[in-house]
C-alpha atoms as a PDB file:
ATOM      1  CA  MET A   1      33.936  58.523  18.704  1.00  0.00           C
ATOM      2  CA  ASN A   2      37.669  57.877  18.613  1.00  0.00           C
ATOM      3  CA  PRO A   3      39.182  59.697  15.595  1.00  0.00           C
ATOM      4  CA  PHE A   4      42.390  57.629  15.776  1.00  0.00           C
ATOM      5  CA  ILE A   5      43.490  54.255  14.455  1.00  0.00           C
ATOM      6  CA  ALA A   6      46.248  52.318  16.215  1.00  0.00           C
ATOM      7  CA  PHE A   7      48.337  49.659  14.463  1.00  0.00           C
ATOM      8  CA  LEU A   8      51.492  47.594  14.905  1.00  0.00           C
ATOM      9  CA  CYS A   9      54.523  47.888  12.658  1.00  0.00           C
ATOM     10  CA  GLN A  10      58.004  46.468  13.293  1.00  0.00           C
ATOM     11  CA  GLY A  11      57.258  45.736  16.944  1.00  0.00           C
ATOM     12  CA  ASN A  12      55.927  49.174  17.840  1.00  0.00           C
ATOM     13  CA  ILE A  13      52.537  50.845  18.237  1.00  0.00           C
ATOM     14  CA  HIS A  14      51.668  53.663  15.861  1.00  0.00           C
ATOM     15  CA  VAL A  15      48.586  55.872  15.754  1.00  0.00           C
ATOM     16  CA  THR A  16      47.166  57.696  12.768  1.00  0.00           C
ATOM     17  CA  SER A  17      44.417  60.259  12.606  1.00  0.00           C
ATOM     18  CA  LEU A  18      41.698  60.502  10.018  1.00  0.00           C
ATOM     19  CA  TYR A  19      43.890  63.180   8.428  1.00  0.00           C
ATOM     20  CA  GLY A  20      46.801  60.777   7.852  1.00  0.00           C
ATOM     21  CA  ASP A  21      49.324  61.988  10.442  1.00  0.00           C
ATOM     22  CA  ILE A  22      51.235  59.047  11.980  1.00  0.00           C
ATOM     23  CA  VAL A  23      52.726  59.124  15.470  1.00  0.00           C
ATOM     24  CA  THR A  24      54.912  56.341  16.879  1.00  0.00           C
ATOM     25  CA  LEU A  25      53.953  55.686  20.508  1.00  0.00           C
ATOM     26  CA  THR A  26      56.622  53.142  21.453  1.00  0.00           C
ATOM     27  CA  SER A  27      60.271  52.681  20.548  1.00  0.00           C
ATOM     28  CA  THR A  28      61.173  49.092  21.358  1.00  0.00           C
ATOM     29  CA  GLN A  29      63.690  47.066  19.365  1.00  0.00           C
ATOM     30  CA  PHE A  30      63.796  43.330  18.664  1.00  0.00           C
ATOM     31  CA  PRO A  31      63.687  41.027  20.669  1.00  0.00           C
ATOM     32  CA  ILE A  32      61.514  43.388  22.731  1.00  0.00           C
ATOM     33  CA  TYR A  33      58.308  44.565  21.118  1.00  0.00           C
ATOM     34  CA  SER A  34      55.168  46.438  22.112  1.00  0.00           C
ATOM     35  CA  GLY A  35      51.514  45.683  21.521  1.00  0.00           C
ATOM     36  CA  GLY A  36      51.977  42.161  20.244  1.00  0.00           C
ATOM     37  CA  VAL A  37      50.824  38.850  21.633  1.00  0.00           C
ATOM     38  CA  GLU A  38      53.305  36.247  22.822  1.00  0.00           C
ATOM     39  CA  TYR A  39      53.176  32.725  21.426  1.00  0.00           C
ATOM     40  CA  ILE A  40      51.674  31.044  24.510  1.00  0.00           C
ATOM     41  CA  MET A  41      48.830  33.584  24.735  1.00  0.00           C
ATOM     42  CA  GLN A  42      48.045  33.083  21.042  1.00  0.00           C
ATOM     43  CA  GLU A  43      48.099  29.305  21.155  1.00  0.00           C
ATOM     44  CA  GLU A  44      46.623  28.513  24.561  1.00  0.00           C
ATOM     45  CA  PHE A  45      44.236  31.419  25.188  1.00  0.00           C
ATOM     46  CA  ASN A  46      43.344  32.480  21.620  1.00  0.00           C
ATOM     47  CA  ARG A  47      44.388  36.063  22.386  1.00  0.00           C
ATOM     48  CA  THR A  48      44.944  38.090  19.235  1.00  0.00           C
ATOM     49  CA  ASP A  49      45.223  41.591  20.698  1.00  0.00           C
ATOM     50  CA  GLY A  50      48.157  43.014  22.610  1.00  0.00           C
ATOM     51  CA  PHE A  51      46.858  46.568  23.046  1.00  0.00           C
ATOM     52  CA  TRP A  52      43.541  48.178  23.919  1.00  0.00           C
ATOM     53  CA  TRP A  53      42.070  51.690  23.801  1.00  0.00           C
ATOM     54  CA  ASP A  54      40.826  53.202  27.058  1.00  0.00           C
ATOM     55  CA  LEU A  55      37.593  55.183  26.975  1.00  0.00           C
ATOM     56  CA  PRO A  56      38.208  58.795  25.834  1.00  0.00           C
ATOM     57  CA  ARG A  57      38.072  61.254  28.742  1.00  0.00           C
ATOM     58  CA  PRO A  58      37.941  65.058  28.855  1.00  0.00           C
ATOM     59  CA  LEU A  59      41.008  66.712  30.416  1.00  0.00           C
ATOM     60  CA  ASN A  60      39.126  69.743  31.680  1.00  0.00           C
ATOM     61  CA  HIS A  61      35.561  70.335  32.685  1.00  0.00           C
ATOM     62  CA  ASP A  62      35.338  74.082  32.161  1.00  0.00           C
ATOM     63  CA  LYS A  63      31.986  74.681  30.476  1.00  0.00           C
ATOM     64  CA  ASN A  64      33.326  77.858  28.833  1.00  0.00           C
ATOM     65  CA  LYS A  65      36.080  76.028  26.931  1.00  0.00           C
ATOM     66  CA  ASP A  66      36.157  73.155  24.507  1.00  0.00           C
ATOM     67  CA  ASP A  67      37.185  69.983  26.261  1.00  0.00           C
ATOM     68  CA  VAL A  68      40.481  68.464  25.259  1.00  0.00           C
ATOM     69  CA  ILE A  69      39.957  64.719  24.988  1.00  0.00           C
ATOM     70  CA  LEU A  70      42.585  62.334  26.367  1.00  0.00           C
ATOM     71  CA  HIS A  71      43.051  59.025  24.533  1.00  0.00           C
ATOM     72  CA  LYS A  72      45.094  56.274  26.204  1.00  0.00           C
ATOM     73  CA  ILE A  73      46.302  52.852  25.088  1.00  0.00           C
ATOM     74  CA  LEU A  74      47.132  49.952  27.400  1.00  0.00           C
ATOM     75  CA  TYR A  75      49.624  47.517  25.866  1.00  0.00           C
ATOM     76  CA  PHE A  76      51.798  44.494  26.525  1.00  0.00           C
ATOM     77  CA  GLU A  77      55.540  44.759  26.128  1.00  0.00           C
ATOM     78  CA  ILE A  78      57.102  41.406  25.328  1.00  0.00           C
ATOM     79  CA  ASP A  79      60.764  40.471  25.779  1.00  0.00           C
ATOM     80  CA  GLU A  80      61.767  37.341  23.864  1.00  0.00           C
ATOM     81  CA  SER A  81      65.503  37.668  24.495  1.00  0.00           C
ATOM     82  CA  ASN A  82      65.547  34.460  26.597  1.00  0.00           C
ATOM     83  CA  VAL A  83      63.391  32.410  24.212  1.00  0.00           C
ATOM     84  CA  GLY A  84      65.429  29.799  22.355  1.00  0.00           C
ATOM     85  CA  ILE A  85      65.795  29.789  18.590  1.00  0.00           C
ATOM     86  CA  ILE A  86      65.112  26.575  16.649  1.00  0.00           C
ATOM     87  CA  PRO A  87      65.156  25.715  12.933  1.00  0.00           C
ATOM     88  CA  ILE A  88      61.762  25.106  11.301  1.00  0.00           C
ATOM     89  CA  GLY A  89      61.410  23.767   7.762  1.00  0.00           C
ATOM     90  CA  ILE A  90      59.299  26.009   5.544  1.00  0.00           C
ATOM     91  CA  GLY A  91      59.400  23.944   2.358  1.00  0.00           C
ATOM     92  CA  ASN A  92      61.650  23.694  -0.709  1.00  0.00           C
ATOM     93  CA  ASP A  93      64.559  22.644   1.536  1.00  0.00           C
ATOM     94  CA  LYS A  94      64.465  26.046   3.255  1.00  0.00           C
ATOM     95  CA  VAL A  95      64.843  26.475   6.995  1.00  0.00           C
ATOM     96  CA  GLU A  96      63.785  29.497   9.017  1.00  0.00           C
ATOM     97  CA  MET A  97      65.225  30.194  12.479  1.00  0.00           C
ATOM     98  CA  VAL A  98      62.292  30.973  14.803  1.00  0.00           C
ATOM     99  CA  ARG A  99      62.031  31.865  18.487  1.00  0.00           C
ATOM    100  CA  TYR A 100      60.058  29.014  20.026  1.00  0.00           C
ATOM    101  CA  PRO A 101      59.302  28.582  23.753  1.00  0.00           C
ATOM    102  CA  ARG A 102      59.907  25.068  25.062  1.00  0.00           C
ATOM    103  CA  ALA A 103      58.253  23.428  28.038  1.00  0.00           C
ATOM    104  CA  GLY A 104      60.363  23.497  31.158  1.00  0.00           C
ATOM    105  CA  ASN A 105      62.438  26.549  30.195  1.00  0.00           C
ATOM    106  CA  THR A 106      62.307  29.781  32.173  1.00  0.00           C
ATOM    107  CA  TYR A 107      61.412  32.946  30.245  1.00  0.00           C
END
């Protein structure tokens, strides 16, 4: 059983234990973020996850010692610095500027 919980916050992957300790695994800054799913993957392939746990593995196999278990996470790192920003109406005459990939552009 994996005693850790991974989650995304402000574009980075964090892990907490059952005891409440939180460790930040990545340190990306906008417009680069870790563990998320880019727009095209969400819309066209219904992908909702941008990181995955590997199976836990023992680091040593000495039968006289307790095994230390290694936990790994595989994740996407997404760079949206070349994605254009467009205005999108969100109601009540408000406009939000959103990064939105357009067909034909190179990213």
